Structure formats: structure tokens, C-alpha cells
Amino acid sequence: MTVGIKLHGYGVRWDPEGRCYRVRNETTGEWLRSGTSGGLASFSSFSAAFSAWRGFEVRRQVGA
């Protein structure tokens, strides 16, 4: 799968070719990668992908 893919959504995206959800940091454009293989991380459920995205997405600190 190419990283310049046509995925829909914000942060958590459905990959129709891989038939799974992918997670992207919308601030940096970086894709979440698997710690074991180094490939793009994949999730079978939106909930799991959303939880991973919440930890991966960079958020501005209040007062920063």
C-alpha cells in the first residue's frame, strides 16, 4: 500500500485495499507504524484505531 493513498476521514481512516483502519497524525502527516514490522499499523475496529489515534495525535497544550 502506498502512503499517498485515498483514505477517507480525519485521523482514523478506512483503507479499502487493506480492508482495515489506519491512523494518521493530521498535524505532522505521519502514519502510525507497527512496532514489530515497521509497516503501517492496521486495526480491524474503529474503536481500537480511534484509541490509538488519541495517543498518537499531537495536541496543543493549554497555555503553551
C-alpha atoms as a PDB file:
ATOM      1  CA  MET A   1       0.000   0.000   0.000  1.00  0.00           C
ATOM      2  CA  THR A   2       1.271   3.458  -0.894  1.00  0.00           C
ATOM      3  CA  VAL A   3       1.277   6.169   1.779  1.00  0.00           C
ATOM      4  CA  GLY A   4      -0.231   8.652  -0.706  1.00  0.00           C
ATOM      5  CA  ILE A   5      -3.415   6.590  -0.553  1.00  0.00           C
ATOM      6  CA  LYS A   6      -7.008   7.670  -0.983  1.00  0.00           C
ATOM      7  CA  LEU A   7      -8.279   7.253   2.561  1.00  0.00           C
ATOM      8  CA  HIS A   8     -11.344   8.971   3.966  1.00  0.00           C
ATOM      9  CA  GLY A   9     -11.880  10.545   7.355  1.00  0.00           C
ATOM     10  CA  TYR A  10      -9.818  12.511   9.839  1.00  0.00           C
ATOM     11  CA  GLY A  11      -7.085  10.799  11.860  1.00  0.00           C
ATOM     12  CA  VAL A  12      -8.657   7.355  11.640  1.00  0.00           C
ATOM     13  CA  ARG A  13      -9.039   6.325   8.027  1.00  0.00           C
ATOM     14  CA  TRP A  14     -10.519   3.302   6.318  1.00  0.00           C
ATOM     15  CA  ASP A  15      -8.146   1.628   3.873  1.00  0.00           C
ATOM     16  CA  PRO A  16     -10.362  -0.106   1.288  1.00  0.00           C
ATOM     17  CA  GLU A  17      -7.425  -2.002  -0.238  1.00  0.00           C
ATOM     18  CA  GLY A  18      -6.165  -3.305   3.107  1.00  0.00           C
ATOM     19  CA  ARG A  19      -9.725  -3.649   4.475  1.00  0.00           C
ATOM     20  CA  CYS A  20      -8.654  -2.122   7.775  1.00  0.00           C
ATOM     21  CA  TYR A  21      -8.404   1.190   9.588  1.00  0.00           C
ATOM     22  CA  ARG A  22      -5.179   3.235   9.505  1.00  0.00           C
ATOM     23  CA  VAL A  23      -4.129   6.012  11.877  1.00  0.00           C
ATOM     24  CA  ARG A  24      -2.576   9.302  10.775  1.00  0.00           C
ATOM     25  CA  ASN A  25      -1.275  12.259  12.741  1.00  0.00           C
ATOM     26  CA  GLU A  26      -3.067  15.125  10.998  1.00  0.00           C
ATOM     27  CA  THR A  27      -0.597  17.716  12.311  1.00  0.00           C
ATOM     28  CA  THR A  28       2.589  16.075  11.010  1.00  0.00           C
ATOM     29  CA  GLY A  29       1.128  13.823   8.293  1.00  0.00           C
ATOM     30  CA  GLU A  30       2.934  10.840   9.818  1.00  0.00           C
ATOM     31  CA  TRP A  31       1.273   7.425   9.712  1.00  0.00           C
ATOM     32  CA  LEU A  32       1.252   5.196  12.789  1.00  0.00           C
ATOM     33  CA  ARG A  33       3.560   2.250  12.214  1.00  0.00           C
ATOM     34  CA  SER A  34       3.617  -1.208  13.738  1.00  0.00           C
ATOM     35  CA  GLY A  35       6.328  -1.642  16.358  1.00  0.00           C
ATOM     36  CA  THR A  36       7.108  -5.174  15.219  1.00  0.00           C
ATOM     37  CA  SER A  37       7.221  -4.929  11.426  1.00  0.00           C
ATOM     38  CA  GLY A  38       7.620  -1.191  10.878  1.00  0.00           C
ATOM     39  CA  GLY A  39       4.785  -1.326   8.327  1.00  0.00           C
ATOM     40  CA  LEU A  40       1.658   0.762   8.590  1.00  0.00           C
ATOM     41  CA  ALA A  41      -0.345  -0.198  11.663  1.00  0.00           C
ATOM     42  CA  SER A  42      -3.747  -1.694  10.890  1.00  0.00           C
ATOM     43  CA  PHE A  43      -6.850  -2.050  13.033  1.00  0.00           C
ATOM     44  CA  SER A  44      -9.914  -4.201  12.455  1.00  0.00           C
ATOM     45  CA  SER A  45     -12.216  -1.966  14.524  1.00  0.00           C
ATOM     46  CA  PHE A  46     -12.779   1.776  14.503  1.00  0.00           C
ATOM     47  CA  SER A  47     -12.701   1.847  18.335  1.00  0.00           C
ATOM     48  CA  ALA A  48      -9.214   0.358  18.511  1.00  0.00           C
ATOM     49  CA  ALA A  49      -7.960   2.697  15.787  1.00  0.00           C
ATOM     50  CA  PHE A  50      -9.535   5.729  17.483  1.00  0.00           C
ATOM     51  CA  SER A  51      -7.903   4.830  20.822  1.00  0.00           C
ATOM     52  CA  ALA A  52      -4.525   4.508  19.099  1.00  0.00           C
ATOM     53  CA  TRP A  53      -5.074   7.826  17.291  1.00  0.00           C
ATOM     54  CA  ARG A  54      -5.824   9.649  20.557  1.00  0.00           C
ATOM     55  CA  GLY A  55      -2.398   8.679  21.868  1.00  0.00           C
ATOM     56  CA  PHE A  56      -0.656   9.354  18.556  1.00  0.00           C
ATOM     57  CA  GLU A  57      -2.203  12.706  17.539  1.00  0.00           C
ATOM     58  CA  VAL A  58      -0.251  15.750  18.677  1.00  0.00           C
ATOM     59  CA  ARG A  59      -2.405  18.217  20.570  1.00  0.00           C
ATOM     60  CA  ARG A  60      -1.601  21.746  21.565  1.00  0.00           C
ATOM     61  CA  GLN A  61      -1.025  22.171  25.288  1.00  0.00           C
ATOM     62  CA  VAL A  62      -3.315  24.653  27.059  1.00  0.00           C
ATOM     63  CA  GLY A  63      -1.281  27.753  27.917  1.00  0.00           C
ATOM     64  CA  ALA A  64       1.552  26.819  25.542  1.00  0.00           C
END
